[in-house]
Amino acid sequence: MEKTLNVSHSESSKGKWTADLGNPAHRQARSGSYSPGSGAVSDTHPSQTQKRHLEGVLNKYTNLLQGWQNRYFVLDPELGQLQYFINEHSKNQKPRGSLPLIGSSVAPSDEFPYMFTVCAANGDFFKLRACDAREQQMWMTQLQLCARRHSDGSAKVMSQAEGQQKNLVNSIESLPSRGPLSSLDQDLLLLKATSAATLSCLGECLSILQHNVCQAAQHITHSHMQGSNTDNVSNWSRPKTTSEGHVKIGELTCNNTATTHQPHSPLHRNKERLKDTENSSSESVDSSEEITDTEDNEEEDLGVLDDQRSIILHLLSQLKLGMDLTRVVLPTFILEKRSLLEMYANFMAHPDVFLAITSGATAEERMIRFVEYYLTAFHEGRKGAVAKKPYNPILGESFQCSWDVPQDKVRPLRTTSSSPAPAAAHSTQTASNEGLGSYRLRFVAEQVSHHPPVSGFYCECKDRQICVNTHVWTKSKFMGMSIGVSMVGEGVLHLLEHDEEYVFTLPSAYARSILTVPWVELGGKVSICCAKSGYSSTVTFHTKPFYGGKVHRVTAEVKHNPTGTIVCKAQGEWNGTLEFTYSSGETKVIDTSKLPVIKKKIRPLEKQGQYESRRLWQRVTAALKAGDIDAASEHKHQLEEKQRREGKQRTASSTTWKPKYFIKEGDGWVYHNPLWKTK
């Protein structure tokens, strides 16, 4: 038996409860006691109090132009939705809008009397007003009960799924280790790993859901009224914060970098450690000892993957979705035969393009040249299509190399047709440089921290008055069928001749299809910003969609912030063909695979220090080249154990690790004797 109470109020939000007394069934409501949320109540059983169907008129904030509007709301406890219509007569039609209540939050607001907000897990929200405190409490109570009931139901399903997955794992592990059906059977291990990843995905989804709800509720409670453009669309996005301790990829802005990296700040000037004799001796690298590198960075396919498949599957079955892999020891056979520090050096494989940045005639030209260099750097640094992992550098490990760049090769990838004078000047400069020798570009990288694993690298050319300083903190995360590596940190390019700094971030990397033949792709939005000139660039590395789509796509645009003018756009593949379109109407196509690579120079192993990458990892590299995985694993284990022992000794003696080449400044690391300090 139902009774319907229609809640109505005027434009001023003042109203009253009225009951339809047109039939005897509804007249019985007058003798019953009032219960909050009894807009449409079934009184036949007490357990129905948490499943009440509620409907009535509430004020809904539409937008700044229309403000508050009367709308007819219906709470459907079975669907777990709050729907609304233009009026009561249209409630049999399609709802004007709705919110899913699972994982939602309901909270009062002090912006207006009797106001409350309902925020769904997907970020959508309604701002509502009741006619009085009683009606406000009634709606909030029933909405909260409905949300809790559906959320509890999801938790119950999750609990049941966990129990079933545990039974599956126990059944597999109870099998004998040998025989026709063993606990190490590859198909069973695959089933075990897949079930664990699926269960983790469900748990992670619930966690994300609750996180979004909390963020949304906090945002709405403290924000001012914000309207949408239409009555039936209410979108909310969590604002990005720029005050976090680490600069995250894609969240860098000109405002928070303009004062962070001033080369002549007191913080830079007062670093007396530059005079430290130990650090001074670190730069005594005799360039005459360096020889052209003959190592081939190409990596063969993972031919051993089939033989080691059970190891991979067993490892994956122990991981949880979102788990930090920083301290997880991965199998040796998936390692790339170079250190992460050397991989950073290979980003400079086109030093001629890098050095050409500083010869740009205008700030616009220099920013565009930097973007062109940035987009063409990744294909050589991330050599090969197979997803292999470079060696994790140990604390104190370093890598040094240099490039000799013929002066006549230093020219941009593009000449601005709309600026004939600078182009002519550049041609004259190129002609005058012929036969004048080479520019020397030096590179040094060091692992400055172990927990978290932070690498610093620095590159400079004194003749061109250009240098770049970068610190990167790699964070690896298990994502079910993929592994994601975020590069947290930033780099700063200094053009000393122009007194300009370009702050940039790095994209994330993903190893996909880790159960079959893994491949690597880049993803995420990064930024490049020059505070002095007002030019900035946004570069987006697009990950492949689940269905269809191209791989390795990248798009970019260069913008003049004061005027909002887009001066350059780019699109293509970061390891293939890139097309640039400039404001002058000119276009340029660059095939990264055909760009000439200038080989780096490096000292022979016998002349390197014991903590330099090539010498440090030489036995592991030799064993991998020979295909002796056991020997490579043993040598790798010895290095890791040595690092642990040294760490324990420093802890016991209360000794703080002091990097050789880099010093800590704020949240970042800076080369101890950069070019901008020697101006």
Foldseek 3Di string as FASTA:
>chain_A
DKWAWAADDDPVQAGDIDGDPPDPVNVVVVPDDDDQQPRIDDPPDPVCPLQHKHKYWWWWQAAPVVGTAIWIWIQHLVQQKIFIDNDPVCPVDDTLAMARLALWDKAAAPPDAQWIKIAFLVAFIIIIHHSHVRNSVSVRVNSVSSNVVNNVVLVVVLVVLVVVLVVLLVVLQPADCDDPRHSLPLVSLLVLLQSQLVSLVSVVVSVSSNVSNVQSVVDVRPDDDHHDPGRHDGHGDRDDDPPDQFGFFPNDDLVVPVPQPDCPDVVNVPPPCLPPPLLVVVPPDDPVQWDFDPDDQEDDFLPCCVVCLSVVSNVSSPDHFFDWCLPPDDALSLAGLFAPQVLVVQLCQPVLLVLLLLLQPDPVSSVVSVVVSNLLSVPRSVDYFFDGHYDQAFAQFKAKWKFWAQLLSNHGLDDDPVDVVSSVVVVVVSVVSPPVGTWMKIKMKGQHDVVQGKIWMKIDTLVQQKIKIWIWGWIWGDHSQKIKITTITWMWIARPVVRKIKIKGDWMKMFGRPSPGTGMATFDKMKIDINVQQKIKIKTFDDADPDDDDTQKMKMWIARRVVRDTAKIWIDHSQAKMWMAGPVRDIGIDGSVPDDTGTIIDRDLVPDDCSYTCNVQVQLSVCSVVVNSVSNVVSSVVVVVVSVVVVVVCVVVVHDDDHNFWDDDRSDIGGSDDSSVVD
